[in-house]
Protein backbone atom coordinates (compact mmCIF):
# COMPACT_ATOMS: atom_id res chain seq x y z
CA MET A 1 -0.10 -0.13 0.25
CA SER A 2 1.13 3.57 -1.01
CA VAL A 3 -0.03 6.96 -1.64
CA TRP A 4 1.26 6.29 -5.16
CA ASN A 5 -1.23 3.77 -5.83
CA GLU A 6 -4.12 5.93 -5.90
CA LEU A 7 -2.67 7.77 -8.98
CA THR A 8 -2.63 6.48 -12.51
CA GLY A 9 -1.79 7.78 -16.15
CA GLN A 10 1.48 10.07 -14.80
CA PRO A 11 4.58 7.71 -14.68
CA GLU A 12 6.98 10.28 -15.10
CA ALA A 13 5.72 12.71 -12.84
CA ILE A 14 4.81 10.13 -10.05
CA GLU A 15 8.77 9.07 -10.51
CA LEU A 16 9.74 12.71 -10.19
CA PHE A 17 7.89 13.63 -6.88
CA ARG A 18 8.94 9.70 -5.42
CA ALA A 19 12.53 10.49 -6.18
CA ALA A 20 12.23 14.30 -5.01
CA ALA A 21 10.63 13.16 -1.40
CA GLY A 22 13.35 10.45 -0.90
CA GLY A 23 16.43 12.74 -2.10
CA SER A 24 18.07 9.97 -4.60
CA THR A 25 18.76 11.77 -7.35
CA GLN A 26 20.30 14.89 -8.45
CA GLN A 27 17.78 15.29 -11.03
CA ALA A 28 14.79 15.15 -8.97
CA ALA A 29 16.82 16.94 -6.19
CA MET A 30 14.43 18.46 -3.47
CA THR A 31 13.32 22.31 -4.02
CA HIS A 32 11.13 24.51 -2.09
CA SER A 33 8.65 25.24 -4.45
CA TRP A 34 6.73 23.26 -7.31
CA LEU A 35 4.03 23.86 -9.85
CA ILE A 36 1.85 20.92 -11.29
CA THR A 37 -0.01 22.09 -14.46
CA GLY A 38 -2.42 19.81 -16.36
CA PRO A 39 -5.76 19.63 -17.63
CA PRO A 40 -8.95 19.06 -15.36
CA GLY A 41 -9.45 15.63 -14.47
CA SER A 42 -5.43 14.87 -14.72
CA GLY A 43 -5.10 14.28 -10.86
CA ARG A 44 -3.12 17.84 -10.30
CA SER A 45 -4.31 17.86 -6.67
CA ASN A 46 -3.95 14.06 -5.98
CA LEU A 47 -0.75 13.87 -7.03
CA ALA A 48 -0.01 17.23 -4.73
CA TYR A 49 -1.44 15.48 -1.81
CA ALA A 50 0.66 12.25 -2.48
CA PHE A 51 3.81 14.48 -2.63
CA ALA A 52 2.48 15.83 0.62
CA SER A 53 2.09 12.52 2.14
CA ALA A 54 5.53 11.34 1.16
CA LEU A 55 7.09 14.77 2.53
CA LEU A 56 5.45 14.23 6.11
CA CYS A 57 4.88 10.56 6.32
CA ARG A 58 7.82 8.93 8.15
CA ASN A 59 7.97 5.75 5.64
CA GLY A 60 7.90 7.87 2.68
CA GLY A 61 4.14 8.03 1.78
CA CYS A 62 2.84 4.52 3.05
CA GLY A 63 -0.75 5.72 2.89
CA VAL A 64 -1.73 3.88 6.45
CA CYS A 65 0.16 5.53 9.14
CA PRO A 66 -1.29 8.48 11.00
CA ASP A 67 0.44 10.69 9.07
CA CYS A 68 -0.77 9.93 6.02
CA ARG A 69 -4.21 9.45 6.93
CA GLN A 70 -4.11 13.00 8.58
CA VAL A 71 -3.10 14.28 5.08
CA ALA A 72 -5.77 12.42 3.42
CA ALA A 73 -8.21 14.16 6.02
CA ARG A 74 -6.09 17.31 5.33
CA THR A 75 -5.54 17.68 9.23
CA HIS A 76 -1.98 17.14 9.29
CA PRO A 77 -0.46 20.05 11.54
CA ASP A 78 2.38 20.29 9.37
CA LEU A 79 -0.11 20.51 6.31
CA ALA A 80 -1.77 24.02 4.94
CA VAL A 81 -4.34 23.97 2.25
CA LEU A 82 -5.51 26.70 0.34
CA ALA A 83 -8.48 25.80 -1.72
CA THR A 84 -11.70 27.67 -2.97
CA ASP A 85 -14.79 27.29 -4.36
CA ARG A 86 -15.13 30.73 -5.54
CA VAL A 87 -14.12 32.59 -8.65
CA ILE A 88 -10.97 34.06 -6.98
CA ILE A 89 -8.65 33.48 -4.07
CA SER A 90 -8.73 36.48 -1.86
CA ILE A 91 -5.71 38.51 -0.73
CA ASP A 92 -6.41 37.61 2.92
CA GLU A 93 -6.44 33.63 2.33
CA VAL A 94 -3.00 34.10 0.80
CA ARG A 95 -1.83 36.46 3.43
CA SER A 96 -2.92 33.96 6.47
CA LEU A 97 -1.01 31.36 4.68
CA VAL A 98 1.96 32.97 4.03
CA THR A 99 2.07 33.97 7.38
CA SER A 100 1.53 30.29 8.75
CA SER A 101 4.33 29.25 5.94
CA GLN A 102 6.69 30.73 8.50
CA PHE A 103 6.67 28.34 11.28
CA SER A 104 8.79 25.39 11.58
CA PRO A 105 7.48 21.88 10.99
CA SER A 106 5.74 20.52 14.46
CA VAL A 107 6.30 16.57 13.82
CA SER A 108 7.57 16.09 10.23
CA ARG A 109 10.54 16.99 8.49
CA TYR A 110 9.02 19.43 6.26
CA ARG A 111 5.97 22.23 6.59
CA VAL A 112 4.01 21.66 3.34
CA MET A 113 1.89 24.54 1.95
CA VAL A 114 -0.47 23.48 -0.93
CA ILE A 115 -2.61 25.84 -3.49
CA GLU A 116 -5.27 24.25 -5.47
CA ASP A 117 -6.25 26.67 -8.33
CA ALA A 118 -3.80 28.94 -8.08
CA ASP A 119 -4.72 30.19 -11.04
CA ARG A 120 -7.63 31.74 -9.23
CA MET A 121 -5.16 34.31 -7.83
CA VAL A 122 -5.25 38.07 -9.12
CA GLU A 123 -2.14 40.03 -9.85
CA ARG A 124 -1.87 41.67 -6.43
CA THR A 125 -2.64 38.33 -4.76
CA SER A 126 -0.11 37.00 -6.55
CA ASN A 127 2.72 39.37 -5.48
CA VAL A 128 1.72 38.43 -1.78
CA LEU A 129 2.53 34.94 -2.39
CA LEU A 130 5.90 35.84 -4.66
CA LYS A 131 7.69 37.47 -1.57
CA ALA A 132 7.11 34.12 0.15
CA LEU A 133 8.44 32.19 -2.67
CA GLU A 134 11.64 34.41 -3.11
CA GLU A 135 12.67 33.93 1.09
CA PRO A 136 11.25 30.72 2.22
CA PRO A 137 12.05 29.18 5.48
CA GLU A 138 14.51 26.19 4.93
CA ARG A 139 11.96 23.30 5.59
CA THR A 140 9.08 24.81 4.15
CA VAL A 141 7.79 23.21 0.74
CA TRP A 142 5.25 24.83 -1.47
CA ILE A 143 2.97 22.98 -3.88
CA LEU A 144 0.94 25.23 -6.53
CA CYS A 145 -1.55 23.63 -8.82
CA ALA A 146 -3.22 25.16 -11.68
CA PRO A 147 -4.04 24.38 -15.53
CA SER A 148 -1.14 25.80 -17.40
CA GLU A 149 1.77 27.91 -16.30
CA ALA A 150 0.51 30.79 -18.29
CA ASP A 151 -2.17 31.05 -15.93
CA LEU A 152 0.50 32.17 -13.26
CA LEU A 153 2.59 35.66 -13.57
CA PRO A 154 5.92 35.07 -14.82
CA THR A 155 7.54 36.05 -11.73
CA ILE A 156 5.70 33.30 -10.01
CA ARG A 157 6.76 30.83 -12.75
CA SER A 158 10.41 31.46 -12.66
CA ARG A 159 10.40 30.46 -8.98
CA VAL A 160 8.69 27.35 -9.10
CA ARG A 161 9.69 23.88 -10.45
CA SER A 162 7.06 22.75 -13.16
CA VAL A 163 5.71 19.49 -13.54
CA ARG A 164 3.51 19.08 -16.52
CA LEU A 165 0.82 16.37 -16.46
CA ARG A 166 -0.84 14.95 -19.43
CA VAL A 167 -4.26 13.69 -19.99
CA PRO A 168 -4.18 9.99 -18.42
CA SER A 169 -5.78 7.48 -21.14
CA ALA A 170 -9.00 6.07 -20.83
CA SER A 171 -7.53 2.28 -20.17
CA ASP A 172 -5.34 3.85 -17.45
CA VAL A 173 -8.55 5.61 -15.62
CA ALA A 174 -10.36 2.27 -16.06
CA ARG A 175 -7.50 0.19 -14.26
CA LEU A 176 -7.64 2.87 -11.57
CA LEU A 177 -11.27 2.45 -10.93
CA GLN A 178 -10.75 -1.56 -10.78
CA ARG A 179 -8.02 -1.42 -8.29
CA ARG A 180 -9.12 1.29 -6.22
CA ASP A 181 -13.19 1.12 -6.48
CA GLY A 182 -13.39 -2.28 -7.28
CA VAL A 183 -15.60 -1.44 -10.19
CA ASP A 184 -15.93 -4.40 -13.16
CA HIS A 185 -14.36 -4.10 -16.14
CA GLU A 186 -16.98 -3.11 -18.35
CA THR A 187 -18.54 -0.40 -15.81
CA ALA A 188 -15.05 1.08 -15.61
CA GLU A 189 -13.99 0.97 -19.44
CA ARG A 190 -17.42 2.95 -19.93
CA ALA A 191 -17.24 5.44 -17.10
CA ALA A 192 -13.50 6.03 -18.27
CA ARG A 193 -14.30 6.70 -22.15
CA GLU A 194 -17.61 8.87 -21.29
CA SER A 195 -15.93 10.95 -18.77
CA GLN A 196 -13.04 11.63 -21.14
CA SER A 197 -10.43 10.33 -18.88
CA HIS A 198 -11.45 12.59 -16.29
CA ILE A 199 -10.62 10.83 -13.22
CA GLY A 200 -13.29 12.47 -10.59
CA MET A 201 -15.84 12.17 -13.10
CA ALA A 202 -14.85 8.51 -14.17
CA HIS A 203 -15.65 7.68 -10.22
CA ARG A 204 -18.94 9.33 -10.03
CA LEU A 205 -19.80 7.66 -13.21
CA ALA A 206 -18.66 4.03 -12.58
CA THR A 207 -20.17 4.26 -8.74
CA ASN A 208 -23.21 6.28 -8.73
CA ASP A 209 -26.34 5.24 -10.65
CA ASP A 210 -27.86 8.63 -10.49
CA ALA A 211 -25.06 10.49 -12.01
CA ARG A 212 -25.14 7.92 -14.91
CA ALA A 213 -29.09 8.54 -15.23
CA ARG A 214 -28.53 12.14 -15.37
CA ARG A 215 -25.98 11.89 -18.25
CA GLU A 216 -28.21 9.69 -20.33
CA GLU A 217 -31.08 11.80 -19.94
CA THR A 218 -28.91 14.96 -20.83
CA LEU A 219 -28.02 13.11 -24.34
CA ASN A 220 -31.16 11.88 -25.02
CA ILE A 221 -32.73 15.45 -24.50
CA ALA A 222 -30.47 16.84 -27.11
CA LEU A 223 -31.30 13.91 -29.51
CA GLY A 224 -35.02 14.71 -29.12
CA ILE A 225 -35.03 18.46 -30.11
CA GLN A 226 -37.30 19.21 -33.06
CA THR A 227 -38.57 22.50 -32.43
CA VAL A 228 -38.02 25.94 -30.75
CA PRO A 229 -40.62 25.46 -27.93
CA GLU A 230 -38.92 22.06 -27.19
CA ALA A 231 -35.19 23.72 -27.12
CA VAL A 232 -36.82 26.36 -24.72
CA MET A 233 -38.32 23.23 -22.68
CA ALA A 234 -35.38 21.30 -23.11
CA ALA A 235 -33.01 23.85 -21.72
CA ALA A 236 -35.05 24.15 -18.56
CA ARG A 237 -34.90 20.65 -18.01
CA LEU A 238 -30.76 20.98 -18.62
CA LEU A 239 -30.72 23.36 -15.82
CA GLU A 240 -32.66 21.09 -13.49
CA LEU A 241 -30.30 17.89 -14.33
CA ALA A 242 -27.49 20.32 -13.34
CA LYS A 243 -28.85 21.59 -10.11
CA ASP A 244 -29.86 17.94 -9.37
CA ASP A 245 -26.20 16.97 -9.71
CA ALA A 246 -24.46 19.82 -7.95
CA GLU A 247 -26.83 19.34 -4.89
CA ALA A 248 -25.79 15.46 -4.94
CA ILE A 249 -22.20 16.54 -5.03
CA THR A 250 -22.28 18.94 -2.16
CA GLU A 251 -25.05 17.74 -0.07
CA GLU A 252 -22.76 14.97 1.55
CA ARG A 253 -19.89 17.06 2.05
CA ASP A 254 -21.73 20.10 3.58
CA ALA A 255 -23.27 17.49 6.33
CA GLU A 256 -19.84 16.18 6.85
CA GLU A 257 -18.45 19.57 6.97
CA ARG A 258 -20.97 20.80 9.30
CA GLU A 259 -20.69 17.53 11.71
CA ASN A 260 -16.90 18.03 11.95
CA THR A 261 -17.40 21.75 12.78
CA LEU A 262 -19.69 21.26 15.45
CA ARG A 263 -17.19 18.79 17.11
CA THR A 264 -14.32 20.80 16.81
CA LEU A 265 -16.14 23.26 18.61
CA GLY A 266 -17.53 20.60 21.25
CA VAL A 267 -21.29 20.77 20.53
CA GLU A 268 -22.96 17.25 20.70
CA PRO A 269 -25.16 15.92 18.15
CA GLY A 270 -28.78 17.49 18.74
CA GLN A 271 -27.23 20.09 21.00
CA ALA A 272 -28.11 23.84 20.26
CA VAL A 273 -25.37 25.53 19.11
CA PRO A 274 -24.44 28.22 21.90
CA MET A 275 -24.45 31.69 21.06
CA GLY A 276 -20.97 32.40 21.02
CA LEU A 277 -20.05 29.86 18.27
CA ARG A 278 -23.00 30.47 15.89
CA SER A 279 -20.59 33.14 14.05
CA GLN A 280 -18.09 30.52 13.23
CA VAL A 281 -20.79 27.76 11.86
CA LYS A 282 -22.85 30.91 9.99
CA ALA A 283 -19.48 31.56 8.35
CA LEU A 284 -19.25 27.75 7.04
CA GLU A 285 -22.83 28.08 5.88
CA GLU A 286 -22.07 30.84 4.08
CA ASP A 287 -18.85 29.30 2.38
CA GLN A 288 -21.21 26.44 1.49
CA LYS A 289 -23.90 28.66 0.09
CA ARG A 290 -20.69 30.14 -2.37
CA ARG A 291 -19.49 26.50 -3.03
CA ALA A 292 -22.86 25.42 -4.06
CA THR A 293 -23.10 28.26 -6.47
CA ARG A 294 -19.93 27.20 -7.81
CA SER A 295 -21.00 23.49 -8.39
CA LEU A 296 -24.02 24.39 -10.17
CA ARG A 297 -21.91 26.47 -12.69
CA ASP A 298 -19.47 23.53 -12.81
CA GLY A 299 -22.99 21.08 -13.33
CA ILE A 300 -24.05 23.17 -16.09
CA ASP A 301 -20.30 22.96 -17.89
CA ARG A 302 -20.34 19.22 -17.42
CA ILE A 303 -23.71 19.22 -19.42
CA LEU A 304 -21.94 20.82 -22.13
CA VAL A 305 -18.82 19.09 -22.16
CA ASP A 306 -21.24 15.70 -22.60
CA LEU A 307 -23.03 17.62 -25.37
CA LEU A 308 -19.87 17.85 -27.19
CA SER A 309 -19.06 14.75 -26.95
CA LEU A 310 -22.20 13.62 -28.70
CA TYR A 311 -22.03 15.71 -31.69
CA ARG A 312 -17.88 14.91 -31.78
CA ASP A 313 -19.29 11.26 -31.96
CA VAL A 314 -21.56 12.42 -34.76
CA LEU A 315 -19.05 14.26 -36.62
CA LEU A 316 -16.31 11.35 -36.49
CA LEU A 317 -19.41 9.35 -38.07
CA GLN A 318 -20.21 11.88 -41.09
CA LEU A 319 -16.47 11.92 -41.70
CA ASP A 320 -15.99 7.89 -41.65
CA SER A 321 -13.12 8.73 -39.09
CA GLU A 322 -11.58 5.37 -37.62
CA LEU A 323 -11.41 7.00 -33.93
CA GLU A 324 -13.27 5.37 -31.20
CA LEU A 325 -16.68 7.14 -30.29
CA ILE A 326 -16.79 8.24 -26.72
CA ASN A 327 -20.81 7.61 -26.54
CA LEU A 328 -20.45 3.69 -27.84
CA ALA A 329 -24.14 3.15 -25.87
CA ILE A 330 -26.18 5.26 -28.39
CA GLU A 331 -23.76 4.20 -31.52
CA GLU A 332 -27.23 3.44 -33.27
CA GLN A 333 -29.10 7.09 -32.41
CA LEU A 334 -25.61 8.63 -33.19
CA VAL A 335 -25.26 6.77 -36.69
CA GLN A 336 -28.95 7.94 -37.36
CA VAL A 337 -28.26 11.52 -36.52
CA ALA A 338 -25.12 11.38 -38.70
CA ARG A 339 -26.94 10.17 -41.98
CA ASP A 340 -29.61 12.82 -41.36
CA THR A 341 -27.41 15.89 -41.27
CA ASP A 342 -24.10 16.94 -42.39
CA PRO A 343 -20.76 18.13 -41.22
CA ALA A 344 -21.48 21.85 -41.62
CA GLU A 345 -24.55 21.81 -39.54
CA THR A 346 -22.68 19.28 -36.89
CA LEU A 347 -19.80 21.92 -36.55
CA ALA A 348 -22.47 24.77 -36.10
CA ILE A 349 -23.76 23.30 -33.10
CA MET A 350 -20.26 22.50 -31.81
CA ASP A 351 -19.73 26.07 -32.13
CA ALA A 352 -23.10 26.78 -30.41
CA ILE A 353 -21.89 24.76 -27.53
CA ALA A 354 -18.64 26.20 -27.23
CA ALA A 355 -20.32 29.64 -27.13
CA ALA A 356 -22.45 28.87 -24.55
CA ARG A 357 -19.72 27.77 -22.38
CA LEU A 358 -17.99 31.17 -22.92
CA ARG A 359 -21.17 33.02 -22.16
CA ILE A 360 -21.88 30.93 -18.92
CA SER A 361 -18.07 32.06 -17.86
CA ARG A 362 -18.62 35.57 -18.45
CA ASN A 363 -22.15 35.44 -16.24
CA VAL A 364 -24.41 35.37 -18.83
CA THR A 365 -27.58 33.90 -17.34
CA PRO A 366 -27.39 29.99 -17.76
CA ALA A 367 -31.01 29.44 -18.77
CA LEU A 368 -30.70 31.68 -21.75
CA ALA A 369 -27.31 30.45 -23.05
CA LEU A 370 -28.75 27.11 -22.88
CA GLU A 371 -31.73 28.47 -25.13
CA ALA A 372 -29.44 30.22 -27.32
CA MET A 373 -27.79 26.86 -27.77
CA LEU A 374 -30.29 24.53 -28.41
CA VAL A 375 -32.31 26.24 -31.13
CA THR A 376 -29.15 25.86 -33.24
CA VAL A 377 -29.19 22.09 -32.10
CA ALA A 378 -32.87 22.02 -33.35
CA SER A 379 -32.58 23.58 -36.74
CA PRO A 380 -30.79 20.69 -38.49
CA GLN A 381 -32.96 17.99 -36.59
CA ARG A 382 -35.87 19.64 -37.52
CA LYS A 383 -34.94 19.91 -41.14
CA ALA A 384 -34.10 15.95 -41.11
CA THR A 385 -37.68 15.29 -40.10
CA LEU A 386 -39.42 17.13 -42.83
């Protein structure tokens, strides 16, 4: 058992971090600041915490000792984590993290500071972090995660060692699901393929019946639109599906966070929260509301990514491509759509989906963006029935 066993598809990066934690080679020499980049679902944060475990664990990341369990629970005394569900990371959050980075390790050989989604720092906030990276304490290690190096200031990039992750193959993700989650081969292969190798999404599709059902309904809705009124109603239903998906993701996590917070404050289950502690509980609830908003936005984007995969498959069929389809389970329907429409229409739909993603990222009302997109979807499918 090892923390590295929970990772997949990144053999070079894993070997680099294992060697750095062990101090075994000059090429993988330990440095005080790292940047892990890669597309969504590539396992950036998973690798960051595996590296943190290897640095803080007395056995180099065994995965079973108290140190490793505390890192997994984000409660290790020498681990500090900055993660946000908001659009940006605030300057006060970074200042607090920088202050704590000055402390000496209490029980381990290093103090590890992890910033997930470091790309969400504006320039003023990044400059606060820059000072800490320029003159770090000897035993403090920074691990930043971001989609790409270009998302950070050049001055930040010049002070970190970058490790680029790739998109793992569907077969790698499927094997991870089988090994880690006990999923059968067929389900694992389908989840890995339909998630497009996004590790977190593949796990949900492989282990959650409701998540699979929502994805199937999303594709069926798009394939069934033939009129503008149907497009408007479909947009409303897709928004409902995104809300259901977001609530399913956040509900269990919110309940667990509240329970842990109350336990930390010394409040027994079922006991009323004392007046003096209510402000802390209220702050948690406000954070959870912000996360719910972000989760809904992410849920809508997942729907749009699934629709892109649908019309990508249609286009491949129209062009007689030999590439494997993502949505093999509905191949017959895809073949029919490919016959009834032409590549130009399919490309127009894919452009409309991409435009909807961009509009929603710029705070256009999701319902309006989805309606505009689905009207484009309806046009060629309506013509095919005439």
